[in-house]
Amino acid sequence: HCMKTGRPRFRLAIESDRLTEVETLYRKTKDVRVKERAQTILLAADGDHSYERIAQTVGQARSSIQRWIAAFEREGIYALYSRQGRGGGRPNPMKDAEVKAAFEQKLKEGAW
């Protein structure tokens, strides 16, 4: 009898027209993050790869791969676009003009 080796493969069920949209996005986008997400969906739709293998290929964590696939299943191609304002730490309480003024003052004082 045969022993199963490696991780189980994952196949994303996707309609051909949606797959074509993702392929086009992958080829045409200049945004690296969008390209990685599109490649993830294409590899998942192929069905020959485990989550780990997709993560290695794309160069991202397995958890990111699973999150992107789940988001794609919920929201479609729109989920592949970068989202602004997620994460990035605490917002700076200073306004741009205040930052510029403080920076200029420090320059005058010879801080840098």
C-alpha atoms as a PDB file:
ATOM      1  CA  HIS A   1       0.000   0.000   0.000  1.00  0.00           C
ATOM      2  CA  CYS A   2       0.966   3.610  -0.592  1.00  0.00           C
ATOM      3  CA  MET A   3       2.034   6.032   2.127  1.00  0.00           C
ATOM      4  CA  LYS A   4       0.838   9.576   1.879  1.00  0.00           C
ATOM      5  CA  THR A   5       3.733  12.008   2.053  1.00  0.00           C
ATOM      6  CA  GLY A   6       3.895  15.771   2.344  1.00  0.00           C
ATOM      7  CA  ARG A   7       1.168  18.222   3.112  1.00  0.00           C
ATOM      8  CA  PRO A   8      -2.312  17.915   1.663  1.00  0.00           C
ATOM      9  CA  ARG A   9      -2.875  19.870  -1.497  1.00  0.00           C
ATOM     10  CA  PHE A  10      -5.426  22.598  -1.614  1.00  0.00           C
ATOM     11  CA  ARG A  11      -7.671  23.445  -4.559  1.00  0.00           C
ATOM     12  CA  LEU A  12      -9.630  26.664  -4.737  1.00  0.00           C
ATOM     13  CA  ALA A  13     -12.876  26.221  -6.644  1.00  0.00           C
ATOM     14  CA  ILE A  14     -13.080  29.179  -9.016  1.00  0.00           C
ATOM     15  CA  GLU A  15     -15.136  29.898 -12.126  1.00  0.00           C
ATOM     16  CA  SER A  16     -13.183  30.285 -15.371  1.00  0.00           C
ATOM     17  CA  ASP A  17     -14.179  33.931 -15.877  1.00  0.00           C
ATOM     18  CA  ARG A  18     -12.986  34.829 -12.378  1.00  0.00           C
ATOM     19  CA  LEU A  19      -9.773  32.904 -13.009  1.00  0.00           C
ATOM     20  CA  THR A  20      -9.219  34.905 -16.202  1.00  0.00           C
ATOM     21  CA  GLU A  21      -9.682  38.149 -14.219  1.00  0.00           C
ATOM     22  CA  VAL A  22      -7.040  37.046 -11.706  1.00  0.00           C
ATOM     23  CA  GLU A  23      -4.629  36.004 -14.493  1.00  0.00           C
ATOM     24  CA  THR A  24      -5.045  39.409 -16.152  1.00  0.00           C
ATOM     25  CA  LEU A  25      -4.511  41.212 -12.845  1.00  0.00           C
ATOM     26  CA  TYR A  26      -1.376  39.127 -12.191  1.00  0.00           C
ATOM     27  CA  ARG A  27       0.091  40.004 -15.597  1.00  0.00           C
ATOM     28  CA  LYS A  28      -0.790  43.704 -15.624  1.00  0.00           C
ATOM     29  CA  THR A  29      -0.431  44.984 -12.062  1.00  0.00           C
ATOM     30  CA  LYS A  30       2.691  46.820 -11.015  1.00  0.00           C
ATOM     31  CA  ASP A  31       1.787  46.564  -7.312  1.00  0.00           C
ATOM     32  CA  VAL A  32       3.955  43.794  -5.851  1.00  0.00           C
ATOM     33  CA  ARG A  33       1.472  43.001  -3.060  1.00  0.00           C
ATOM     34  CA  VAL A  34      -1.406  42.640  -5.509  1.00  0.00           C
ATOM     35  CA  LYS A  35       0.776  40.446  -7.738  1.00  0.00           C
ATOM     36  CA  GLU A  36       1.625  38.164  -4.776  1.00  0.00           C
ATOM     37  CA  ARG A  37      -2.042  37.839  -3.868  1.00  0.00           C
ATOM     38  CA  ALA A  38      -3.053  37.114  -7.462  1.00  0.00           C
ATOM     39  CA  GLN A  39      -0.277  34.506  -7.741  1.00  0.00           C
ATOM     40  CA  THR A  40      -1.570  32.927  -4.536  1.00  0.00           C
ATOM     41  CA  ILE A  41      -5.048  32.562  -6.016  1.00  0.00           C
ATOM     42  CA  LEU A  42      -3.664  31.150  -9.289  1.00  0.00           C
ATOM     43  CA  LEU A  43      -1.583  28.551  -7.428  1.00  0.00           C
ATOM     44  CA  ALA A  44      -4.538  27.646  -5.191  1.00  0.00           C
ATOM     45  CA  ALA A  45      -6.804  27.251  -8.226  1.00  0.00           C
ATOM     46  CA  ASP A  46      -4.206  24.978  -9.844  1.00  0.00           C
ATOM     47  CA  GLY A  47      -4.696  22.461  -7.039  1.00  0.00           C
ATOM     48  CA  ASP A  48      -1.177  21.034  -7.137  1.00  0.00           C
ATOM     49  CA  HIS A  49       0.132  22.900  -4.099  1.00  0.00           C
ATOM     50  CA  SER A  50      -0.262  22.855  -0.319  1.00  0.00           C
ATOM     51  CA  TYR A  51      -0.642  26.076   1.650  1.00  0.00           C
ATOM     52  CA  GLU A  52       3.011  25.693   2.681  1.00  0.00           C
ATOM     53  CA  ARG A  53       4.177  25.315  -0.926  1.00  0.00           C
ATOM     54  CA  ILE A  54       2.169  28.359  -2.023  1.00  0.00           C
ATOM     55  CA  ALA A  55       3.643  30.332   0.899  1.00  0.00           C
ATOM     56  CA  GLN A  56       7.181  29.317  -0.125  1.00  0.00           C
ATOM     57  CA  THR A  57       6.558  30.170  -3.773  1.00  0.00           C
ATOM     58  CA  VAL A  58       5.056  33.579  -3.031  1.00  0.00           C
ATOM     59  CA  GLY A  59       7.479  34.329  -0.202  1.00  0.00           C
ATOM     60  CA  GLN A  60       4.855  34.956   2.461  1.00  0.00           C
ATOM     61  CA  ALA A  61       3.668  33.275   5.652  1.00  0.00           C
ATOM     62  CA  ARG A  62       1.176  30.418   5.465  1.00  0.00           C
ATOM     63  CA  SER A  63      -1.244  32.464   7.575  1.00  0.00           C
ATOM     64  CA  SER A  64      -1.159  35.273   4.984  1.00  0.00           C
ATOM     65  CA  ILE A  65      -1.871  32.784   2.201  1.00  0.00           C
ATOM     66  CA  GLN A  66      -4.866  31.372   4.058  1.00  0.00           C
ATOM     67  CA  ARG A  67      -6.162  34.879   4.857  1.00  0.00           C
ATOM     68  CA  TRP A  68      -5.838  36.019   1.215  1.00  0.00           C
ATOM     69  CA  ILE A  69      -7.608  32.908  -0.097  1.00  0.00           C
ATOM     70  CA  ALA A  70     -10.428  33.269   2.450  1.00  0.00           C
ATOM     71  CA  ALA A  71     -10.800  36.974   1.579  1.00  0.00           C
ATOM     72  CA  PHE A  72     -10.902  36.117  -2.135  1.00  0.00           C
ATOM     73  CA  GLU A  73     -13.614  33.524  -1.511  1.00  0.00           C
ATOM     74  CA  ARG A  74     -15.685  36.158   0.350  1.00  0.00           C
ATOM     75  CA  GLU A  75     -15.013  39.321  -1.678  1.00  0.00           C
ATOM     76  CA  GLY A  76     -13.703  38.182  -5.047  1.00  0.00           C
ATOM     77  CA  ILE A  77     -10.978  40.006  -6.943  1.00  0.00           C
ATOM     78  CA  TYR A  78     -11.408  43.172  -4.857  1.00  0.00           C
ATOM     79  CA  ALA A  79      -9.857  41.342  -1.910  1.00  0.00           C
ATOM     80  CA  LEU A  80      -6.542  41.159  -3.779  1.00  0.00           C
ATOM     81  CA  TYR A  81      -6.000  44.905  -3.811  1.00  0.00           C
ATOM     82  CA  SER A  82      -3.878  46.450  -1.097  1.00  0.00           C
ATOM     83  CA  ARG A  83      -5.820  47.906   1.754  1.00  0.00           C
ATOM     84  CA  GLN A  84      -4.730  51.225   3.163  1.00  0.00           C
ATOM     85  CA  GLY A  85      -4.915  52.035   6.827  1.00  0.00           C
ATOM     86  CA  ARG A  86      -4.556  48.509   8.198  1.00  0.00           C
ATOM     87  CA  GLY A  87      -1.887  48.164  10.830  1.00  0.00           C
ATOM     88  CA  GLY A  88       1.160  50.369  10.750  1.00  0.00           C
ATOM     89  CA  GLY A  89       1.246  51.238  14.448  1.00  0.00           C
ATOM     90  CA  ARG A  90      -0.163  54.217  16.248  1.00  0.00           C
ATOM     91  CA  PRO A  91      -1.141  57.299  14.262  1.00  0.00           C
ATOM     92  CA  ASN A  92       1.164  60.276  14.700  1.00  0.00           C
ATOM     93  CA  PRO A  93      -0.658  62.889  16.791  1.00  0.00           C
ATOM     94  CA  MET A  94       1.230  65.717  15.054  1.00  0.00           C
ATOM     95  CA  LYS A  95      -0.184  67.218  11.868  1.00  0.00           C
ATOM     96  CA  ASP A  96       2.046  67.530   8.767  1.00  0.00           C
ATOM     97  CA  ALA A  97       2.604  71.271   9.302  1.00  0.00           C
ATOM     98  CA  GLU A  98       3.581  70.631  12.922  1.00  0.00           C
ATOM     99  CA  VAL A  99       6.026  67.931  11.890  1.00  0.00           C
ATOM    100  CA  LYS A 100       7.596  70.210   9.282  1.00  0.00           C
ATOM    101  CA  ALA A 101       7.887  73.106  11.768  1.00  0.00           C
ATOM    102  CA  ALA A 102       9.435  70.862  14.428  1.00  0.00           C
ATOM    103  CA  PHE A 103      11.860  69.403  11.883  1.00  0.00           C
ATOM    104  CA  GLU A 104      12.910  72.867  10.649  1.00  0.00           C
ATOM    105  CA  GLN A 105      13.388  74.075  14.247  1.00  0.00           C
ATOM    106  CA  LYS A 106      15.633  71.091  15.019  1.00  0.00           C
ATOM    107  CA  LEU A 107      17.664  71.807  11.859  1.00  0.00           C
ATOM    108  CA  LYS A 108      18.150  75.434  12.975  1.00  0.00           C
ATOM    109  CA  GLU A 109      19.243  74.227  16.404  1.00  0.00           C
ATOM    110  CA  GLY A 110      21.833  71.991  14.743  1.00  0.00           C
ATOM    111  CA  ALA A 111      20.276  68.758  15.968  1.00  0.00           C
ATOM    112  CA  TRP A 112      21.117  67.062  12.651  1.00  0.00           C
END
